[in-house]
N, C-alpha and C. Protein backbone atom coordinates (compact mmCIF):
# COMPACT_ATOMS: atom_id res chain seq x y z
N MET A 1 14.84 13.74 -23.52
CA MET A 1 14.43 13.96 -22.15
C MET A 1 14.19 15.45 -21.97
N LEU A 2 13.09 15.80 -21.36
CA LEU A 2 12.72 17.19 -21.15
C LEU A 2 13.04 17.56 -19.71
N ARG A 3 13.84 18.58 -19.52
CA ARG A 3 14.18 19.03 -18.18
C ARG A 3 14.63 20.48 -18.28
N THR A 4 14.07 21.34 -17.47
CA THR A 4 14.43 22.74 -17.49
C THR A 4 15.01 23.13 -16.14
N LYS A 5 16.19 23.77 -16.14
CA LYS A 5 16.86 24.14 -14.90
C LYS A 5 15.96 25.00 -14.03
N GLY A 6 15.86 24.56 -12.77
CA GLY A 6 15.11 25.34 -11.80
C GLY A 6 13.61 25.11 -11.83
N MET A 7 13.10 24.34 -12.77
CA MET A 7 11.66 24.10 -12.83
C MET A 7 11.35 22.69 -12.36
N HIS A 8 10.25 22.54 -11.66
CA HIS A 8 9.77 21.24 -11.23
C HIS A 8 9.28 20.48 -12.47
N MET A 9 9.79 19.28 -12.70
CA MET A 9 9.44 18.54 -13.91
C MET A 9 8.84 17.17 -13.59
N ALA A 10 8.05 17.09 -12.56
CA ALA A 10 7.39 15.84 -12.24
C ALA A 10 6.42 15.47 -13.36
N PRO A 11 6.28 14.19 -13.65
CA PRO A 11 5.39 13.76 -14.74
C PRO A 11 3.93 14.16 -14.50
N ARG A 12 3.25 14.41 -15.62
CA ARG A 12 1.83 14.75 -15.60
C ARG A 12 1.07 13.76 -16.47
N ASP A 13 -0.24 13.71 -16.28
CA ASP A 13 -1.09 12.83 -17.09
C ASP A 13 -0.80 13.02 -18.57
N GLY A 14 -0.70 11.90 -19.28
CA GLY A 14 -0.49 11.92 -20.71
C GLY A 14 0.97 11.89 -21.13
N GLN A 15 1.88 12.12 -20.19
CA GLN A 15 3.30 12.08 -20.54
C GLN A 15 3.80 10.64 -20.48
N ILE A 16 4.74 10.34 -21.36
CA ILE A 16 5.37 9.03 -21.37
C ILE A 16 6.59 9.11 -20.47
N VAL A 17 6.69 8.15 -19.55
CA VAL A 17 7.83 8.11 -18.63
C VAL A 17 8.58 6.79 -18.82
N ILE A 18 9.84 6.82 -18.44
CA ILE A 18 10.66 5.62 -18.42
C ILE A 18 11.20 5.49 -17.00
N VAL A 19 11.00 4.32 -16.40
CA VAL A 19 11.43 4.08 -15.02
C VAL A 19 12.17 2.75 -14.92
N ASN A 20 13.07 2.70 -13.94
CA ASN A 20 13.61 1.43 -13.46
C ASN A 20 12.91 1.15 -12.15
N TYR A 21 12.68 -0.12 -11.85
CA TYR A 21 11.98 -0.45 -10.61
C TYR A 21 12.38 -1.85 -10.13
N ARG A 22 12.13 -2.06 -8.85
CA ARG A 22 12.26 -3.38 -8.24
C ARG A 22 11.06 -3.53 -7.32
N GLY A 23 10.30 -4.62 -7.49
CA GLY A 23 9.11 -4.86 -6.68
C GLY A 23 9.34 -6.01 -5.72
N THR A 24 8.97 -5.80 -4.46
CA THR A 24 9.12 -6.85 -3.45
C THR A 24 7.84 -7.00 -2.63
N LEU A 25 7.68 -8.20 -2.05
CA LEU A 25 6.58 -8.47 -1.13
C LEU A 25 7.02 -8.06 0.28
N ASN A 26 6.08 -8.11 1.23
CA ASN A 26 6.39 -7.73 2.61
C ASN A 26 7.53 -8.53 3.22
N ASP A 27 7.70 -9.78 2.78
CA ASP A 27 8.77 -10.62 3.33
C ASP A 27 10.12 -10.39 2.63
N GLY A 28 10.15 -9.43 1.70
CA GLY A 28 11.39 -9.11 1.00
C GLY A 28 11.60 -9.86 -0.30
N THR A 29 10.72 -10.81 -0.62
CA THR A 29 10.85 -11.58 -1.86
C THR A 29 10.63 -10.66 -3.06
N GLU A 30 11.60 -10.67 -4.00
CA GLU A 30 11.46 -9.88 -5.22
C GLU A 30 10.54 -10.61 -6.18
N PHE A 31 9.50 -9.92 -6.68
CA PHE A 31 8.59 -10.55 -7.64
C PHE A 31 8.77 -10.01 -9.05
N ASP A 32 9.43 -8.85 -9.19
CA ASP A 32 9.65 -8.29 -10.51
C ASP A 32 10.70 -7.20 -10.42
N SER A 33 11.41 -6.98 -11.53
CA SER A 33 12.42 -5.94 -11.59
C SER A 33 12.73 -5.62 -13.04
N SER A 34 13.03 -4.35 -13.30
CA SER A 34 13.45 -3.96 -14.64
C SER A 34 14.97 -4.01 -14.76
N TYR A 35 15.66 -4.14 -13.64
CA TYR A 35 17.12 -4.18 -13.68
C TYR A 35 17.56 -5.46 -14.38
N GLY A 36 18.52 -5.32 -15.28
CA GLY A 36 18.97 -6.46 -16.06
C GLY A 36 18.21 -6.62 -17.36
N ARG A 37 17.24 -5.73 -17.59
CA ARG A 37 16.50 -5.71 -18.85
C ARG A 37 16.11 -4.26 -19.13
N ALA A 38 15.34 -4.03 -20.17
CA ALA A 38 14.95 -2.66 -20.53
C ALA A 38 14.07 -2.05 -19.43
N PRO A 39 14.23 -0.75 -19.18
CA PRO A 39 13.35 -0.07 -18.22
C PRO A 39 11.89 -0.11 -18.70
N LEU A 40 10.98 0.18 -17.80
CA LEU A 40 9.55 0.20 -18.11
C LEU A 40 9.17 1.57 -18.66
N GLN A 41 8.43 1.57 -19.76
CA GLN A 41 7.91 2.80 -20.35
C GLN A 41 6.39 2.73 -20.30
N PHE A 42 5.76 3.81 -19.83
CA PHE A 42 4.30 3.85 -19.80
C PHE A 42 3.81 5.30 -19.83
N THR A 43 2.52 5.47 -20.11
CA THR A 43 1.89 6.78 -20.13
C THR A 43 1.23 7.04 -18.79
N VAL A 44 1.62 8.13 -18.14
CA VAL A 44 1.09 8.49 -16.83
C VAL A 44 -0.43 8.72 -16.94
N GLY A 45 -1.17 8.14 -16.03
CA GLY A 45 -2.62 8.35 -15.96
C GLY A 45 -3.43 7.54 -16.95
N ALA A 46 -2.80 6.67 -17.75
CA ALA A 46 -3.52 5.92 -18.78
C ALA A 46 -3.98 4.55 -18.30
N GLY A 47 -3.67 4.18 -17.06
CA GLY A 47 -4.07 2.88 -16.56
C GLY A 47 -3.16 1.75 -17.02
N ASP A 48 -1.96 2.10 -17.49
CA ASP A 48 -1.02 1.09 -17.97
C ASP A 48 -0.38 0.30 -16.83
N VAL A 49 -0.33 0.89 -15.64
CA VAL A 49 0.27 0.26 -14.46
C VAL A 49 -0.71 0.35 -13.30
N ILE A 50 -0.42 -0.36 -12.22
CA ILE A 50 -1.32 -0.32 -11.07
C ILE A 50 -1.41 1.11 -10.53
N PRO A 51 -2.56 1.49 -9.94
CA PRO A 51 -2.76 2.88 -9.52
C PRO A 51 -1.70 3.42 -8.56
N GLY A 52 -1.27 2.62 -7.59
CA GLY A 52 -0.27 3.10 -6.63
C GLY A 52 1.07 3.38 -7.26
N PHE A 53 1.44 2.61 -8.27
CA PHE A 53 2.70 2.82 -8.99
C PHE A 53 2.61 4.11 -9.80
N ASP A 54 1.50 4.29 -10.50
CA ASP A 54 1.26 5.49 -11.29
C ASP A 54 1.37 6.73 -10.41
N GLU A 55 0.73 6.69 -9.25
CA GLU A 55 0.72 7.83 -8.33
C GLU A 55 2.13 8.11 -7.80
N ALA A 56 2.90 7.07 -7.50
CA ALA A 56 4.25 7.24 -6.98
C ALA A 56 5.15 7.93 -7.99
N VAL A 57 5.00 7.60 -9.27
CA VAL A 57 5.84 8.20 -10.31
C VAL A 57 5.52 9.68 -10.48
N ARG A 58 4.27 10.07 -10.27
CA ARG A 58 3.89 11.48 -10.41
C ARG A 58 4.67 12.39 -9.46
N GLY A 59 5.12 11.85 -8.33
CA GLY A 59 5.83 12.66 -7.34
C GLY A 59 7.33 12.72 -7.54
N LEU A 60 7.85 12.08 -8.57
CA LEU A 60 9.30 12.04 -8.80
C LEU A 60 9.75 13.06 -9.83
N GLU A 61 11.01 13.45 -9.75
CA GLU A 61 11.65 14.24 -10.79
C GLU A 61 12.69 13.36 -11.45
N VAL A 62 13.07 13.68 -12.68
CA VAL A 62 14.04 12.90 -13.44
C VAL A 62 15.32 12.74 -12.61
N GLY A 63 15.78 11.49 -12.54
CA GLY A 63 16.99 11.17 -11.78
C GLY A 63 16.72 10.84 -10.33
N GLU A 64 15.52 11.08 -9.84
CA GLU A 64 15.17 10.84 -8.45
C GLU A 64 14.66 9.41 -8.28
N SER A 65 14.93 8.84 -7.10
CA SER A 65 14.45 7.50 -6.75
C SER A 65 13.71 7.58 -5.42
N LYS A 66 12.78 6.65 -5.22
CA LYS A 66 12.14 6.52 -3.91
C LYS A 66 11.58 5.12 -3.78
N THR A 67 11.34 4.75 -2.53
CA THR A 67 10.72 3.47 -2.21
C THR A 67 9.32 3.76 -1.70
N VAL A 68 8.32 3.07 -2.27
CA VAL A 68 6.93 3.27 -1.85
C VAL A 68 6.30 1.94 -1.49
N SER A 69 5.44 1.98 -0.49
CA SER A 69 4.62 0.82 -0.13
C SER A 69 3.24 1.04 -0.71
N ILE A 70 2.76 0.05 -1.44
CA ILE A 70 1.46 0.17 -2.10
C ILE A 70 0.52 -0.89 -1.53
N PRO A 71 -0.55 -0.47 -0.84
CA PRO A 71 -1.49 -1.45 -0.30
C PRO A 71 -2.21 -2.19 -1.42
N CYS A 72 -2.67 -3.39 -1.13
CA CYS A 72 -3.26 -4.24 -2.16
C CYS A 72 -4.41 -3.56 -2.91
N ASP A 73 -5.16 -2.68 -2.24
CA ASP A 73 -6.28 -2.03 -2.93
C ASP A 73 -5.82 -1.01 -3.98
N GLN A 74 -4.53 -0.62 -3.94
CA GLN A 74 -3.96 0.26 -4.96
C GLN A 74 -3.02 -0.52 -5.89
N ALA A 75 -3.05 -1.87 -5.72
CA ALA A 75 -2.20 -2.74 -6.54
C ALA A 75 -3.12 -3.67 -7.34
N TYR A 76 -3.18 -4.94 -6.95
CA TYR A 76 -3.98 -5.92 -7.71
C TYR A 76 -5.27 -6.32 -6.99
N GLY A 77 -5.64 -5.57 -5.95
CA GLY A 77 -6.90 -5.81 -5.26
C GLY A 77 -6.82 -6.93 -4.24
N GLU A 78 -7.92 -7.09 -3.53
CA GLU A 78 -8.05 -8.15 -2.54
C GLU A 78 -8.21 -9.49 -3.24
N HIS A 79 -7.78 -10.54 -2.59
CA HIS A 79 -8.01 -11.90 -3.10
C HIS A 79 -9.47 -12.25 -2.76
N THR A 80 -10.26 -12.64 -3.76
CA THR A 80 -11.66 -12.96 -3.50
C THR A 80 -11.93 -14.44 -3.75
N ASP A 81 -12.67 -15.04 -2.83
CA ASP A 81 -13.01 -16.47 -2.94
C ASP A 81 -13.89 -16.74 -4.16
N ASP A 82 -14.69 -15.74 -4.56
CA ASP A 82 -15.58 -15.92 -5.71
C ASP A 82 -14.80 -16.16 -7.01
N ALA A 83 -13.54 -15.75 -7.03
CA ALA A 83 -12.72 -15.91 -8.23
C ALA A 83 -12.05 -17.29 -8.31
N VAL A 84 -12.31 -18.14 -7.32
CA VAL A 84 -11.81 -19.52 -7.34
C VAL A 84 -12.99 -20.40 -7.74
N GLN A 85 -12.84 -21.10 -8.87
CA GLN A 85 -13.97 -21.85 -9.41
C GLN A 85 -13.57 -23.27 -9.77
N GLN A 86 -14.56 -24.15 -9.66
CA GLN A 86 -14.35 -25.57 -9.96
C GLN A 86 -14.80 -25.89 -11.38
N PHE A 87 -14.00 -26.68 -12.08
CA PHE A 87 -14.32 -27.12 -13.43
C PHE A 87 -14.22 -28.64 -13.49
N PRO A 88 -15.05 -29.28 -14.32
CA PRO A 88 -14.95 -30.73 -14.46
C PRO A 88 -13.58 -31.12 -15.02
N ARG A 89 -13.02 -32.20 -14.51
CA ARG A 89 -11.70 -32.66 -14.97
C ARG A 89 -11.70 -32.90 -16.47
N ASP A 90 -12.83 -33.40 -17.02
CA ASP A 90 -12.88 -33.71 -18.45
C ASP A 90 -12.95 -32.45 -19.33
N ALA A 91 -12.99 -31.25 -18.73
CA ALA A 91 -12.92 -30.01 -19.50
C ALA A 91 -11.48 -29.73 -19.94
N PHE A 92 -10.54 -30.49 -19.38
CA PHE A 92 -9.13 -30.35 -19.70
C PHE A 92 -8.69 -31.53 -20.55
N PRO A 93 -7.69 -31.34 -21.41
CA PRO A 93 -7.19 -32.47 -22.20
C PRO A 93 -6.67 -33.57 -21.27
N PRO A 94 -6.74 -34.84 -21.71
CA PRO A 94 -6.28 -35.93 -20.85
C PRO A 94 -4.77 -35.85 -20.55
N GLU A 95 -4.00 -35.36 -21.48
CA GLU A 95 -2.55 -35.23 -21.29
C GLU A 95 -2.13 -33.83 -21.71
N PRO A 96 -1.25 -33.19 -21.03
CA PRO A 96 -0.70 -33.60 -19.75
C PRO A 96 -1.70 -33.34 -18.63
N THR A 97 -1.57 -34.08 -17.55
CA THR A 97 -2.44 -33.90 -16.40
C THR A 97 -2.15 -32.55 -15.76
N PRO A 98 -3.17 -31.72 -15.50
CA PRO A 98 -2.94 -30.43 -14.85
C PRO A 98 -2.26 -30.62 -13.50
N GLU A 99 -1.40 -29.67 -13.16
CA GLU A 99 -0.70 -29.71 -11.87
C GLU A 99 -0.92 -28.41 -11.13
N VAL A 100 -0.98 -28.50 -9.78
CA VAL A 100 -1.12 -27.32 -8.94
C VAL A 100 0.03 -26.36 -9.24
N GLY A 101 -0.31 -25.09 -9.41
CA GLY A 101 0.68 -24.06 -9.71
C GLY A 101 0.76 -23.70 -11.18
N TRP A 102 0.21 -24.54 -12.05
CA TRP A 102 0.23 -24.22 -13.48
C TRP A 102 -0.58 -22.96 -13.74
N MET A 103 -0.11 -22.16 -14.67
CA MET A 103 -0.88 -21.04 -15.18
C MET A 103 -1.55 -21.54 -16.46
N VAL A 104 -2.86 -21.34 -16.56
CA VAL A 104 -3.61 -21.74 -17.74
C VAL A 104 -4.38 -20.53 -18.26
N GLU A 105 -4.80 -20.62 -19.50
CA GLU A 105 -5.62 -19.56 -20.10
C GLU A 105 -6.90 -20.18 -20.61
N LEU A 106 -8.01 -19.59 -20.22
CA LEU A 106 -9.30 -19.99 -20.78
C LEU A 106 -9.71 -18.92 -21.77
N GLU A 107 -10.58 -19.28 -22.66
CA GLU A 107 -11.08 -18.31 -23.63
C GLU A 107 -12.57 -18.13 -23.42
N SER A 108 -12.97 -16.86 -23.26
CA SER A 108 -14.39 -16.57 -23.07
C SER A 108 -15.12 -16.70 -24.40
N GLU A 109 -16.44 -16.64 -24.36
CA GLU A 109 -17.25 -16.77 -25.57
C GLU A 109 -16.93 -15.67 -26.59
N ASP A 110 -16.50 -14.49 -26.08
CA ASP A 110 -16.17 -13.39 -27.00
C ASP A 110 -14.70 -13.39 -27.42
N GLY A 111 -13.98 -14.47 -27.09
CA GLY A 111 -12.59 -14.61 -27.53
C GLY A 111 -11.55 -14.02 -26.61
N GLN A 112 -11.99 -13.44 -25.47
CA GLN A 112 -11.05 -12.85 -24.52
C GLN A 112 -10.31 -13.96 -23.77
N ARG A 113 -8.99 -13.81 -23.63
CA ARG A 113 -8.19 -14.78 -22.90
C ARG A 113 -8.19 -14.42 -21.41
N ILE A 114 -8.44 -15.42 -20.57
CA ILE A 114 -8.54 -15.20 -19.13
C ILE A 114 -7.54 -16.11 -18.43
N PRO A 115 -6.51 -15.52 -17.79
CA PRO A 115 -5.51 -16.34 -17.10
C PRO A 115 -6.04 -16.84 -15.75
N ALA A 116 -5.56 -18.02 -15.35
CA ALA A 116 -5.93 -18.59 -14.07
C ALA A 116 -4.79 -19.48 -13.59
N THR A 117 -4.79 -19.75 -12.29
CA THR A 117 -3.79 -20.64 -11.69
C THR A 117 -4.50 -21.89 -11.19
N VAL A 118 -3.95 -23.06 -11.50
CA VAL A 118 -4.49 -24.32 -10.98
C VAL A 118 -4.13 -24.40 -9.50
N VAL A 119 -5.16 -24.52 -8.63
CA VAL A 119 -4.91 -24.57 -7.19
C VAL A 119 -5.26 -25.92 -6.57
N GLU A 120 -5.98 -26.77 -7.32
CA GLU A 120 -6.33 -28.10 -6.82
C GLU A 120 -6.68 -28.98 -8.02
N VAL A 121 -6.22 -30.24 -7.97
CA VAL A 121 -6.55 -31.19 -9.03
C VAL A 121 -7.08 -32.46 -8.36
N GLY A 122 -8.31 -32.83 -8.72
CA GLY A 122 -8.90 -34.06 -8.22
C GLY A 122 -9.23 -34.98 -9.38
N ASP A 123 -9.75 -36.17 -9.07
CA ASP A 123 -10.12 -37.12 -10.12
C ASP A 123 -11.27 -36.59 -10.97
N GLU A 124 -12.18 -35.83 -10.34
CA GLU A 124 -13.39 -35.37 -11.02
C GLU A 124 -13.40 -33.87 -11.33
N HIS A 125 -12.49 -33.12 -10.69
CA HIS A 125 -12.54 -31.66 -10.88
C HIS A 125 -11.14 -31.04 -10.83
N VAL A 126 -11.07 -29.79 -11.33
CA VAL A 126 -9.88 -28.95 -11.23
C VAL A 126 -10.35 -27.59 -10.72
N MET A 127 -9.69 -27.09 -9.68
CA MET A 127 -10.02 -25.77 -9.14
C MET A 127 -9.07 -24.75 -9.75
N LEU A 128 -9.64 -23.67 -10.29
CA LEU A 128 -8.86 -22.59 -10.88
C LEU A 128 -9.07 -21.30 -10.11
N ASP A 129 -7.99 -20.57 -9.92
CA ASP A 129 -8.04 -19.28 -9.23
C ASP A 129 -7.82 -18.19 -10.27
N PHE A 130 -8.85 -17.36 -10.47
CA PHE A 130 -8.80 -16.29 -11.46
C PHE A 130 -8.30 -14.96 -10.86
N ASN A 131 -7.98 -14.95 -9.56
CA ASN A 131 -7.38 -13.77 -8.95
C ASN A 131 -5.99 -13.56 -9.56
N HIS A 132 -5.55 -12.31 -9.64
CA HIS A 132 -4.17 -12.04 -10.05
C HIS A 132 -3.26 -12.71 -9.02
N PRO A 133 -2.13 -13.28 -9.44
CA PRO A 133 -1.24 -13.94 -8.49
C PRO A 133 -0.77 -13.03 -7.34
N LEU A 134 -0.77 -11.72 -7.54
CA LEU A 134 -0.36 -10.79 -6.47
C LEU A 134 -1.55 -10.15 -5.75
N SER A 135 -2.77 -10.63 -6.01
CA SER A 135 -3.93 -10.07 -5.30
C SER A 135 -3.78 -10.37 -3.82
N GLY A 136 -4.26 -9.43 -3.01
CA GLY A 136 -4.18 -9.59 -1.56
C GLY A 136 -2.82 -9.25 -0.98
N GLU A 137 -1.87 -8.88 -1.83
CA GLU A 137 -0.51 -8.57 -1.37
C GLU A 137 -0.29 -7.06 -1.36
N ASP A 138 0.30 -6.57 -0.26
CA ASP A 138 0.81 -5.21 -0.24
C ASP A 138 2.19 -5.28 -0.89
N LEU A 139 2.50 -4.32 -1.74
CA LEU A 139 3.73 -4.36 -2.52
C LEU A 139 4.63 -3.18 -2.20
N THR A 140 5.93 -3.40 -2.31
CA THR A 140 6.90 -2.33 -2.15
C THR A 140 7.68 -2.20 -3.44
N PHE A 141 7.82 -0.97 -3.91
CA PHE A 141 8.57 -0.71 -5.13
C PHE A 141 9.67 0.31 -4.86
N GLU A 142 10.86 0.02 -5.36
CA GLU A 142 11.92 1.01 -5.48
C GLU A 142 11.80 1.51 -6.91
N ILE A 143 11.58 2.81 -7.07
CA ILE A 143 11.33 3.38 -8.41
C ILE A 143 12.33 4.50 -8.67
N GLU A 144 12.94 4.47 -9.86
CA GLU A 144 13.83 5.53 -10.31
C GLU A 144 13.26 6.10 -11.61
N LEU A 145 12.99 7.40 -11.63
CA LEU A 145 12.48 8.04 -12.84
C LEU A 145 13.66 8.37 -13.75
N VAL A 146 13.71 7.70 -14.90
CA VAL A 146 14.81 7.86 -15.85
C VAL A 146 14.56 9.04 -16.78
N SER A 147 13.34 9.14 -17.34
CA SER A 147 13.04 10.26 -18.23
C SER A 147 11.54 10.51 -18.29
N VAL A 148 11.21 11.74 -18.71
CA VAL A 148 9.83 12.18 -18.91
C VAL A 148 9.72 12.72 -20.32
N GLY A 149 8.73 12.26 -21.05
CA GLY A 149 8.53 12.72 -22.42
C GLY A 149 7.96 14.13 -22.46
N PRO A 150 7.69 14.61 -23.65
CA PRO A 150 7.17 15.97 -23.81
C PRO A 150 5.77 16.13 -23.20
N GLU A 151 5.38 17.37 -23.01
CA GLU A 151 4.05 17.67 -22.50
C GLU A 151 3.00 17.11 -23.46
N PRO A 152 1.85 16.65 -22.93
CA PRO A 152 0.78 16.20 -23.80
C PRO A 152 0.30 17.35 -24.68
N GLU A 153 -0.23 17.00 -25.85
CA GLU A 153 -0.76 18.01 -26.79
C GLU A 153 -1.83 18.84 -26.12
N GLY A 154 -1.85 20.12 -26.42
CA GLY A 154 -2.91 21.01 -25.92
C GLY A 154 -2.65 21.54 -24.54
N GLU A 155 -1.49 21.29 -23.98
CA GLU A 155 -1.19 21.78 -22.63
C GLU A 155 -0.51 23.12 -22.70
């Protein structure tokens, strides 16, 4: 851990940070937490985490905690109707029958895996939602900066 007495040591782009966090929705429901498991490690400014989370960590010093509210446009984006699509029922295996709430993965022509949530099942079709499950949600995070790695090369 890098820390110099009397100097501001907030993380900068390219540095690896380790944080503990708890994420909640506006109604207080916890959707994710690092407590009870290993803390989250990521590179600041590399796009490893949602933009609002990345920005919140930049303002912390080692050992400091804060609670931030992140609007959906700085989290997983708005929920868009265009990302909900209908597929023929016979595009799915006959067993098991898809159920609302299931997470499924489709594979694109180039081999990329695309997650979706089953939102409707009919006799002739299945509706899939390709929005992130937290899209359209404003999120609140309690974040504690545990450590900051060394300065990026060339600084």
